């Protein structure tokens, strides 16, 4: 049942268009997770969280684990454990940071690049088939809108978390 169909949520002002966007986001997340779980992830051996780390490394290049954690919105200890497993699988490589030997730099290994590219090739094929009724211009417009929403949600998250991090309550 959609949020906008509920007559009221105590303490929340009714905003049907925004509630529909939130419902659309939730539905999209569930659909993507279902595809990953049932079709794509078992074939590649990657978990969704692994793919996220590899994607950041592909997009942004070599970086510190703390930078990765910040970009993914998780604690550095989570990324550290994940990087240990990814390195053991040959998907990432680490080396000391020349600017600070206490810190390591992480990069995408050739095997990690190949697995990520195979995963996204499969995603692309599946999605192209599912969205065959949309032309490229429509797909690009959807992508632009989705990116705008993602940036807005990121900004909301930062604004909500900022007071808790600085101790201002």
N, C-alpha and C. Protein backbone atom coordinates (compact mmCIF):
# COMPACT_ATOMS: atom_id res chain seq x y z
N UNK A 1 0.84 -1.18 0.00
CA UNK A 1 0.00 0.00 0.00
C UNK A 1 0.89 1.24 0.00
N UNK A 2 0.50 2.21 -0.79
CA UNK A 2 1.32 3.40 -0.91
C UNK A 2 1.11 4.34 0.27
N UNK A 3 2.19 5.03 0.62
CA UNK A 3 2.13 5.97 1.74
C UNK A 3 1.07 7.04 1.51
N UNK A 4 0.97 7.53 0.29
CA UNK A 4 0.06 8.63 0.00
C UNK A 4 -1.40 8.22 0.17
N UNK A 5 -1.71 6.92 0.18
CA UNK A 5 -3.08 6.47 0.35
C UNK A 5 -3.50 6.52 1.82
N UNK A 6 -2.55 6.57 2.73
CA UNK A 6 -2.88 6.66 4.14
C UNK A 6 -3.37 8.07 4.43
N UNK A 7 -4.52 8.20 5.09
CA UNK A 7 -5.07 9.53 5.33
C UNK A 7 -4.18 10.41 6.18
N UNK A 8 -3.50 9.83 7.16
CA UNK A 8 -2.61 10.65 7.98
C UNK A 8 -1.66 9.77 8.75
N UNK A 9 -0.52 10.33 8.99
CA UNK A 9 0.47 9.71 9.85
C UNK A 9 0.64 10.69 11.00
N UNK A 10 0.40 10.25 12.23
CA UNK A 10 0.47 11.19 13.36
C UNK A 10 1.79 11.95 13.39
N UNK A 11 1.67 13.26 13.50
CA UNK A 11 2.85 14.11 13.62
C UNK A 11 3.55 14.41 12.30
N UNK A 12 3.02 13.92 11.18
CA UNK A 12 3.65 14.15 9.88
C UNK A 12 2.67 14.88 8.98
N UNK A 13 3.12 16.01 8.45
CA UNK A 13 2.28 16.76 7.53
C UNK A 13 2.15 16.00 6.22
N UNK A 14 0.96 15.95 5.67
CA UNK A 14 0.70 15.21 4.44
C UNK A 14 1.29 15.96 3.24
N UNK A 15 2.09 15.26 2.46
CA UNK A 15 2.69 15.80 1.23
C UNK A 15 2.70 14.67 0.21
N UNK A 16 1.58 14.50 -0.48
CA UNK A 16 1.39 13.36 -1.37
C UNK A 16 2.49 13.21 -2.41
N UNK A 17 2.91 14.26 -3.14
CA UNK A 17 3.96 14.05 -4.15
C UNK A 17 5.27 13.53 -3.56
N UNK A 18 5.69 14.08 -2.44
CA UNK A 18 6.94 13.63 -1.82
C UNK A 18 6.78 12.21 -1.28
N UNK A 19 5.62 11.91 -0.71
CA UNK A 19 5.37 10.55 -0.23
C UNK A 19 5.42 9.56 -1.39
N UNK A 20 4.92 9.94 -2.54
CA UNK A 20 4.98 9.06 -3.72
C UNK A 20 6.42 8.86 -4.18
N UNK A 21 7.24 9.91 -4.10
CA UNK A 21 8.67 9.76 -4.44
C UNK A 21 9.32 8.77 -3.48
N UNK A 22 9.06 8.93 -2.18
CA UNK A 22 9.62 8.01 -1.20
C UNK A 22 9.17 6.57 -1.46
N UNK A 23 7.91 6.40 -1.79
CA UNK A 23 7.39 5.05 -2.08
C UNK A 23 8.07 4.50 -3.34
N UNK A 24 8.27 5.35 -4.34
CA UNK A 24 8.96 4.92 -5.55
C UNK A 24 10.40 4.50 -5.27
N UNK A 25 11.07 5.25 -4.42
CA UNK A 25 12.45 4.90 -4.04
C UNK A 25 12.47 3.56 -3.32
N UNK A 26 11.57 3.38 -2.38
CA UNK A 26 11.50 2.11 -1.64
C UNK A 26 11.23 0.94 -2.58
N UNK A 27 10.31 1.12 -3.51
CA UNK A 27 10.00 0.06 -4.47
C UNK A 27 11.20 -0.25 -5.35
N UNK A 28 11.91 0.77 -5.77
CA UNK A 28 13.09 0.58 -6.62
C UNK A 28 14.18 -0.16 -5.86
N UNK A 29 14.41 0.21 -4.62
CA UNK A 29 15.42 -0.47 -3.80
C UNK A 29 15.07 -1.95 -3.65
N UNK A 30 13.81 -2.23 -3.34
CA UNK A 30 13.39 -3.63 -3.20
C UNK A 30 13.59 -4.39 -4.51
N UNK A 31 13.24 -3.78 -5.63
CA UNK A 31 13.38 -4.45 -6.93
C UNK A 31 14.84 -4.72 -7.27
N UNK A 32 15.71 -3.76 -7.01
CA UNK A 32 17.14 -3.95 -7.29
C UNK A 32 17.70 -5.06 -6.41
N UNK A 33 17.36 -5.05 -5.15
CA UNK A 33 17.85 -6.10 -4.25
C UNK A 33 17.37 -7.48 -4.68
N UNK A 34 16.14 -7.54 -5.16
CA UNK A 34 15.59 -8.81 -5.62
C UNK A 34 16.37 -9.31 -6.84
N UNK A 35 16.64 -8.45 -7.78
CA UNK A 35 17.42 -8.83 -8.96
C UNK A 35 18.81 -9.29 -8.55
N UNK A 36 19.45 -8.52 -7.68
CA UNK A 36 20.79 -8.89 -7.21
C UNK A 36 20.78 -10.25 -6.53
N UNK A 37 19.81 -10.46 -5.67
CA UNK A 37 19.76 -11.69 -4.88
C UNK A 37 19.46 -12.91 -5.74
N UNK A 38 18.49 -12.79 -6.61
CA UNK A 38 18.01 -13.96 -7.35
C UNK A 38 18.77 -14.26 -8.64
N UNK A 39 19.31 -13.23 -9.28
CA UNK A 39 19.86 -13.47 -10.60
C UNK A 39 21.34 -13.16 -10.73
N UNK A 40 21.75 -12.00 -10.29
CA UNK A 40 23.08 -11.55 -10.65
C UNK A 40 24.16 -11.87 -9.63
N UNK A 41 23.92 -11.61 -8.38
CA UNK A 41 24.97 -11.80 -7.38
C UNK A 41 25.45 -13.25 -7.27
N UNK A 42 24.56 -14.24 -7.29
CA UNK A 42 25.06 -15.62 -7.19
C UNK A 42 26.00 -15.99 -8.34
N UNK A 43 25.78 -15.42 -9.50
CA UNK A 43 26.62 -15.73 -10.65
C UNK A 43 28.00 -15.08 -10.56
N UNK A 44 28.09 -13.93 -9.94
CA UNK A 44 29.37 -13.23 -9.88
C UNK A 44 30.15 -13.53 -8.60
N UNK A 45 29.45 -13.93 -7.56
CA UNK A 45 30.12 -14.17 -6.28
C UNK A 45 30.31 -12.89 -5.47
N UNK A 46 29.93 -11.77 -6.02
CA UNK A 46 30.05 -10.49 -5.30
C UNK A 46 28.80 -10.23 -4.48
N UNK A 47 29.01 -9.66 -3.30
CA UNK A 47 27.88 -9.15 -2.53
C UNK A 47 27.63 -7.71 -2.97
N UNK A 48 26.44 -7.21 -2.67
CA UNK A 48 26.09 -5.83 -3.03
C UNK A 48 27.09 -4.85 -2.42
N UNK A 49 27.48 -5.08 -1.17
CA UNK A 49 28.42 -4.17 -0.52
C UNK A 49 29.80 -4.24 -1.18
N UNK A 50 30.21 -5.44 -1.65
CA UNK A 50 31.48 -5.56 -2.36
C UNK A 50 31.43 -4.75 -3.65
N UNK A 51 30.34 -4.90 -4.38
CA UNK A 51 30.20 -4.18 -5.65
C UNK A 51 30.24 -2.67 -5.42
N UNK A 52 29.68 -2.22 -4.31
CA UNK A 52 29.70 -0.78 -4.00
C UNK A 52 31.12 -0.27 -3.81
N UNK A 53 31.92 -1.03 -3.07
CA UNK A 53 33.32 -0.64 -2.85
C UNK A 53 34.07 -0.62 -4.17
N UNK A 54 33.91 -1.68 -4.96
CA UNK A 54 34.62 -1.77 -6.24
C UNK A 54 34.20 -0.64 -7.18
N UNK A 55 32.93 -0.30 -7.16
CA UNK A 55 32.43 0.76 -8.03
C UNK A 55 33.06 2.11 -7.67
N UNK A 56 33.17 2.40 -6.38
CA UNK A 56 33.81 3.65 -5.95
C UNK A 56 35.27 3.68 -6.40
N UNK A 57 35.95 2.55 -6.26
CA UNK A 57 37.36 2.49 -6.69
C UNK A 57 37.49 2.65 -8.20
N UNK A 58 36.57 2.07 -8.95
CA UNK A 58 36.58 2.22 -10.40
C UNK A 58 36.36 3.67 -10.79
N UNK A 59 35.38 4.30 -10.15
CA UNK A 59 35.01 5.68 -10.48
C UNK A 59 36.05 6.69 -10.02
N UNK A 60 36.57 6.53 -8.79
CA UNK A 60 37.40 7.56 -8.18
C UNK A 60 38.87 7.21 -8.09
N UNK A 61 39.23 5.97 -8.41
CA UNK A 61 40.63 5.57 -8.38
C UNK A 61 41.13 5.26 -6.98
N UNK A 62 42.45 5.10 -6.88
CA UNK A 62 43.10 4.73 -5.63
C UNK A 62 42.81 5.75 -4.54
N UNK A 63 42.57 5.23 -3.32
CA UNK A 63 42.25 6.11 -2.20
C UNK A 63 42.41 5.38 -0.88
N UNK A 64 42.34 6.15 0.19
CA UNK A 64 42.42 5.58 1.54
C UNK A 64 41.09 4.92 1.90
N UNK A 65 41.19 3.94 2.80
CA UNK A 65 39.99 3.25 3.26
C UNK A 65 38.99 4.18 3.92
N UNK A 66 39.50 5.17 4.65
CA UNK A 66 38.61 6.15 5.30
C UNK A 66 37.82 6.97 4.29
N UNK A 67 38.45 7.29 3.16
CA UNK A 67 37.73 8.00 2.10
C UNK A 67 36.62 7.13 1.53
N UNK A 68 36.93 5.87 1.32
CA UNK A 68 35.92 4.92 0.83
C UNK A 68 34.74 4.86 1.79
N UNK A 69 35.04 4.72 3.07
CA UNK A 69 33.99 4.63 4.08
C UNK A 69 33.10 5.87 4.04
N UNK A 70 33.70 7.04 3.94
CA UNK A 70 32.93 8.28 3.90
C UNK A 70 32.02 8.33 2.67
N UNK A 71 32.55 7.91 1.54
CA UNK A 71 31.75 7.92 0.30
C UNK A 71 30.60 6.92 0.36
N UNK A 72 30.81 5.83 1.08
CA UNK A 72 29.77 4.80 1.19
C UNK A 72 28.84 5.03 2.37
N UNK A 73 29.19 5.98 3.23
CA UNK A 73 28.35 6.29 4.38
C UNK A 73 28.37 5.23 5.46
N UNK A 74 29.52 4.57 5.61
CA UNK A 74 29.66 3.53 6.64
C UNK A 74 30.89 3.82 7.49
N UNK A 75 31.01 3.11 8.59
CA UNK A 75 32.15 3.28 9.48
C UNK A 75 33.42 2.70 8.83
N UNK A 76 34.54 3.31 9.12
CA UNK A 76 35.81 2.86 8.55
C UNK A 76 36.13 1.42 8.91
N UNK A 77 35.71 0.96 10.09
CA UNK A 77 35.97 -0.42 10.48
C UNK A 77 35.24 -1.41 9.58
N UNK A 78 34.07 -1.02 9.11
CA UNK A 78 33.30 -1.88 8.19
C UNK A 78 34.06 -2.04 6.89
N UNK A 79 34.54 -0.93 6.36
CA UNK A 79 35.28 -0.96 5.09
C UNK A 79 36.61 -1.70 5.27
N UNK A 80 37.24 -1.53 6.40
CA UNK A 80 38.51 -2.21 6.65
C UNK A 80 38.36 -3.73 6.58
N UNK A 81 37.33 -4.26 7.24
CA UNK A 81 37.08 -5.70 7.19
C UNK A 81 36.74 -6.15 5.77
N UNK A 82 35.97 -5.34 5.11
CA UNK A 82 35.56 -5.66 3.74
C UNK A 82 36.77 -5.67 2.81
N UNK A 83 37.66 -4.70 2.97
CA UNK A 83 38.85 -4.63 2.12
C UNK A 83 39.78 -5.82 2.35
N UNK A 84 39.84 -6.29 3.58
CA UNK A 84 40.66 -7.47 3.87
C UNK A 84 40.15 -8.67 3.06
N UNK A 85 38.84 -8.86 3.05
CA UNK A 85 38.25 -9.97 2.29
C UNK A 85 38.42 -9.77 0.78
N UNK A 86 38.21 -8.54 0.31
CA UNK A 86 38.36 -8.26 -1.12
C UNK A 86 39.80 -8.44 -1.57
N UNK A 87 40.75 -8.07 -0.71
CA UNK A 87 42.16 -8.25 -1.05
C UNK A 87 42.50 -9.75 -1.10
N UNK A 88 41.97 -10.52 -0.16
CA UNK A 88 42.22 -11.97 -0.14
C UNK A 88 41.67 -12.64 -1.39
N UNK A 89 40.57 -12.08 -1.93
CA UNK A 89 39.97 -12.62 -3.16
C UNK A 89 40.64 -12.08 -4.43
N UNK A 90 41.61 -11.18 -4.26
CA UNK A 90 42.32 -10.63 -5.41
C UNK A 90 41.56 -9.55 -6.16
N UNK A 91 40.56 -8.95 -5.51
CA UNK A 91 39.72 -7.94 -6.17
C UNK A 91 40.23 -6.52 -5.97
N UNK A 92 40.96 -6.29 -4.89
CA UNK A 92 41.59 -4.99 -4.64
C UNK A 92 43.04 -5.23 -4.24
N UNK A 93 43.82 -4.18 -4.33
CA UNK A 93 45.20 -4.25 -3.83
C UNK A 93 45.43 -3.06 -2.92
N UNK A 94 46.34 -3.25 -1.97
CA UNK A 94 46.67 -2.18 -1.02
C UNK A 94 48.17 -1.98 -1.01
N UNK A 95 48.54 -0.72 -0.76
CA UNK A 95 49.94 -0.38 -0.61
C UNK A 95 50.04 0.76 0.40
N UNK A 96 51.21 0.93 1.01
CA UNK A 96 51.35 2.03 1.97
C UNK A 96 51.22 3.38 1.25
N UNK A 97 50.65 4.33 1.94
CA UNK A 97 50.53 5.69 1.42
C UNK A 97 51.89 6.37 1.57
N UNK A 98 52.51 6.82 0.47
CA UNK A 98 53.82 7.46 0.57
C UNK A 98 53.80 8.73 1.44
N UNK A 99 52.63 9.36 1.53
CA UNK A 99 52.53 10.58 2.33
C UNK A 99 52.38 10.28 3.83
N UNK A 100 51.93 9.08 4.17
CA UNK A 100 51.72 8.72 5.57
C UNK A 100 51.74 7.19 5.67
N UNK A 101 52.86 6.64 6.08
CA UNK A 101 53.05 5.19 6.10
C UNK A 101 52.08 4.46 7.04
N UNK A 102 51.43 5.20 7.94
CA UNK A 102 50.46 4.57 8.84
C UNK A 102 49.17 4.20 8.12
N UNK A 103 48.99 4.76 6.93
CA UNK A 103 47.74 4.60 6.19
C UNK A 103 48.02 3.86 4.89
N UNK A 104 47.05 3.07 4.45
CA UNK A 104 47.20 2.37 3.18
C UNK A 104 46.32 2.97 2.10
N UNK A 105 46.75 2.79 0.87
CA UNK A 105 45.97 3.18 -0.29
C UNK A 105 45.39 1.92 -0.94
N UNK A 106 44.16 2.01 -1.35
CA UNK A 106 43.46 0.87 -1.94
C UNK A 106 43.17 1.18 -3.40
N UNK A 107 43.38 0.18 -4.26
CA UNK A 107 43.04 0.35 -5.67
C UNK A 107 42.33 -0.90 -6.17
N UNK A 108 41.64 -0.74 -7.25
CA UNK A 108 40.91 -1.83 -7.88
C UNK A 108 41.90 -2.72 -8.63
N UNK A 109 41.92 -4.01 -8.33
CA UNK A 109 42.78 -4.96 -9.01
C UNK A 109 42.13 -5.36 -10.34
N UNK A 110 42.93 -5.83 -11.30
CA UNK A 110 42.36 -6.24 -12.58
C UNK A 110 41.21 -7.25 -12.45
N UNK A 111 41.34 -8.20 -11.54
CA UNK A 111 40.26 -9.18 -11.33
C UNK A 111 39.00 -8.49 -10.81
N UNK A 112 39.15 -7.51 -9.93
CA UNK A 112 38.00 -6.75 -9.41
C UNK A 112 37.32 -5.97 -10.52
N UNK A 113 38.12 -5.35 -11.37
CA UNK A 113 37.57 -4.61 -12.51
C UNK A 113 36.78 -5.55 -13.42
N UNK A 114 37.35 -6.72 -13.71
CA UNK A 114 36.69 -7.68 -14.60
C UNK A 114 35.36 -8.16 -14.00
N UNK A 115 35.35 -8.47 -12.70
CA UNK A 115 34.11 -8.94 -12.06
C UNK A 115 33.05 -7.84 -12.02
N UNK A 116 33.48 -6.63 -11.73
CA UNK A 116 32.54 -5.51 -11.68
C UNK A 116 31.97 -5.23 -13.07
N UNK A 117 32.84 -5.24 -14.08
CA UNK A 117 32.36 -5.01 -15.45
C UNK A 117 31.39 -6.10 -15.89
N UNK A 118 31.67 -7.35 -15.54
CA UNK A 118 30.76 -8.44 -15.89
C UNK A 118 29.42 -8.27 -15.19
N UNK A 119 29.45 -7.88 -13.92
CA UNK A 119 28.22 -7.66 -13.17
C UNK A 119 27.38 -6.56 -13.81
N UNK A 120 28.02 -5.43 -14.13
CA UNK A 120 27.27 -4.32 -14.69
C UNK A 120 26.85 -4.57 -16.14
N UNK A 121 27.58 -5.40 -16.87
CA UNK A 121 27.14 -5.78 -18.22
C UNK A 121 25.83 -6.57 -18.11
N UNK A 122 25.77 -7.45 -17.12
CA UNK A 122 24.56 -8.23 -16.89
C UNK A 122 23.40 -7.33 -16.46
N UNK A 123 23.67 -6.41 -15.52
CA UNK A 123 22.65 -5.45 -15.10
C UNK A 123 22.13 -4.66 -16.31
N UNK A 124 23.05 -4.16 -17.11
CA UNK A 124 22.67 -3.33 -18.25
C UNK A 124 21.76 -4.10 -19.21
N UNK A 125 22.12 -5.33 -19.50
CA UNK A 125 21.32 -6.16 -20.41
C UNK A 125 19.92 -6.37 -19.84
N UNK A 126 19.84 -6.74 -18.56
CA UNK A 126 18.55 -6.98 -17.92
C UNK A 126 17.69 -5.71 -17.91
N UNK A 127 18.30 -4.60 -17.56
CA UNK A 127 17.55 -3.35 -17.47
C UNK A 127 17.12 -2.84 -18.84
N UNK A 128 17.98 -2.96 -19.83
CA UNK A 128 17.63 -2.55 -21.20
C UNK A 128 16.41 -3.33 -21.67
N UNK A 129 16.38 -4.61 -21.39
CA UNK A 129 15.24 -5.43 -21.78
C UNK A 129 13.98 -4.99 -21.03
N UNK A 130 14.11 -4.79 -19.74
CA UNK A 130 12.95 -4.40 -18.92
C UNK A 130 12.40 -3.03 -19.30
N UNK A 131 13.27 -2.15 -19.77
CA UNK A 131 12.84 -0.78 -20.11
C UNK A 131 12.80 -0.55 -21.62
N UNK A 132 12.55 -1.59 -22.37
CA UNK A 132 12.59 -1.51 -23.83
C UNK A 132 11.57 -0.53 -24.41
N UNK A 133 10.54 -0.18 -23.64
CA UNK A 133 9.55 0.77 -24.13
C UNK A 133 10.00 2.23 -24.01
N UNK A 134 11.16 2.47 -23.40
CA UNK A 134 11.69 3.82 -23.27
C UNK A 134 12.86 4.01 -24.23
N UNK A 135 12.89 5.17 -24.91
CA UNK A 135 14.04 5.44 -25.79
C UNK A 135 15.18 6.03 -24.96
N UNK A 136 16.33 6.22 -25.61
CA UNK A 136 17.51 6.68 -24.88
C UNK A 136 17.30 8.04 -24.21
N UNK A 137 16.60 8.96 -24.89
CA UNK A 137 16.35 10.28 -24.29
C UNK A 137 15.52 10.15 -23.01
N UNK A 138 14.51 9.29 -23.04
CA UNK A 138 13.68 9.10 -21.85
C UNK A 138 14.51 8.46 -20.72
N UNK A 139 15.35 7.48 -21.07
CA UNK A 139 16.20 6.86 -20.06
C UNK A 139 17.16 7.87 -19.43
N UNK A 140 17.73 8.74 -20.25
CA UNK A 140 18.65 9.75 -19.73
C UNK A 140 17.92 10.75 -18.84
N UNK A 141 16.68 11.08 -19.18
CA UNK A 141 15.89 11.99 -18.35
C UNK A 141 15.59 11.33 -16.99
N UNK A 142 15.24 10.05 -17.01
CA UNK A 142 14.99 9.31 -15.77
C UNK A 142 16.27 9.29 -14.93
N UNK A 143 17.40 8.99 -15.57
CA UNK A 143 18.68 8.93 -14.85
C UNK A 143 19.00 10.27 -14.21
N UNK A 144 18.78 11.35 -14.92
CA UNK A 144 19.04 12.69 -14.38
C UNK A 144 18.15 12.96 -13.15
N UNK A 145 16.89 12.63 -13.26
CA UNK A 145 15.97 12.83 -12.13
C UNK A 145 16.39 11.97 -10.94
N UNK A 146 16.76 10.73 -11.20
CA UNK A 146 17.18 9.86 -10.11
C UNK A 146 18.44 10.39 -9.43
N UNK A 147 19.37 10.91 -10.20
CA UNK A 147 20.59 11.49 -9.60
C UNK A 147 20.26 12.71 -8.76
N UNK A 148 19.35 13.55 -9.24
CA UNK A 148 18.93 14.72 -8.47
C UNK A 148 18.31 14.30 -7.13
N UNK A 149 17.48 13.27 -7.18
CA UNK A 149 16.85 12.77 -5.95
C UNK A 149 17.92 12.19 -5.02
N UNK A 150 18.85 11.43 -5.57
CA UNK A 150 19.92 10.84 -4.75
C UNK A 150 20.74 11.93 -4.07
N UNK A 151 21.09 12.99 -4.80
CA UNK A 151 21.85 14.09 -4.20
C UNK A 151 21.03 14.79 -3.11
N UNK A 152 19.74 14.98 -3.37
CA UNK A 152 18.88 15.62 -2.37
C UNK A 152 18.79 14.76 -1.11
N UNK A 153 18.66 13.44 -1.30
CA UNK A 153 18.59 12.54 -0.14
C UNK A 153 19.91 12.56 0.63
N UNK A 154 21.03 12.62 -0.08
CA UNK A 154 22.34 12.71 0.57
C UNK A 154 22.44 13.99 1.38
N UNK A 155 21.97 15.08 0.81
CA UNK A 155 21.99 16.36 1.53
C UNK A 155 21.11 16.31 2.78
N UNK A 156 19.94 15.68 2.67
CA UNK A 156 19.05 15.53 3.82
C UNK A 156 19.75 14.71 4.90
N UNK A 157 20.40 13.62 4.49
CA UNK A 157 21.10 12.76 5.44
C UNK A 157 22.21 13.54 6.16
N UNK A 158 22.96 14.34 5.42
CA UNK A 158 24.03 15.14 6.03
C UNK A 158 23.45 16.14 7.02
N UNK A 159 22.35 16.77 6.65
CA UNK A 159 21.74 17.77 7.53
C UNK A 159 21.21 17.12 8.80
N UNK A 160 20.65 15.93 8.69
CA UNK A 160 20.11 15.24 9.86
C UNK A 160 21.23 14.75 10.76
N UNK A 161 22.33 14.25 10.17
CA UNK A 161 23.43 13.69 10.95
C UNK A 161 24.33 14.76 11.55
N UNK A 162 24.42 15.93 10.95
CA UNK A 162 25.35 16.96 11.38
C UNK A 162 25.18 17.34 12.85
N UNK A 163 23.97 17.60 13.33
CA UNK A 163 23.84 17.98 14.76
C UNK A 163 24.29 16.85 15.69
N UNK A 164 24.04 15.60 15.32
CA UNK A 164 24.43 14.49 16.19
C UNK A 164 25.95 14.37 16.23
N UNK A 165 26.62 14.59 15.11
CA UNK A 165 28.07 14.46 15.07
C UNK A 165 28.77 15.57 15.82
N UNK A 166 28.20 16.77 15.79
CA UNK A 166 28.87 17.90 16.44
C UNK A 166 28.45 18.04 17.90
N UNK A 167 27.45 17.27 18.32
CA UNK A 167 27.02 17.33 19.70
C UNK A 167 25.97 18.40 19.95
N UNK A 168 25.51 19.07 18.88
CA UNK A 168 24.48 20.10 19.01
C UNK A 168 23.12 19.44 18.98
N UNK A 169 22.49 19.31 20.11
CA UNK A 169 21.14 18.73 20.15
C UNK A 169 20.19 19.68 20.78
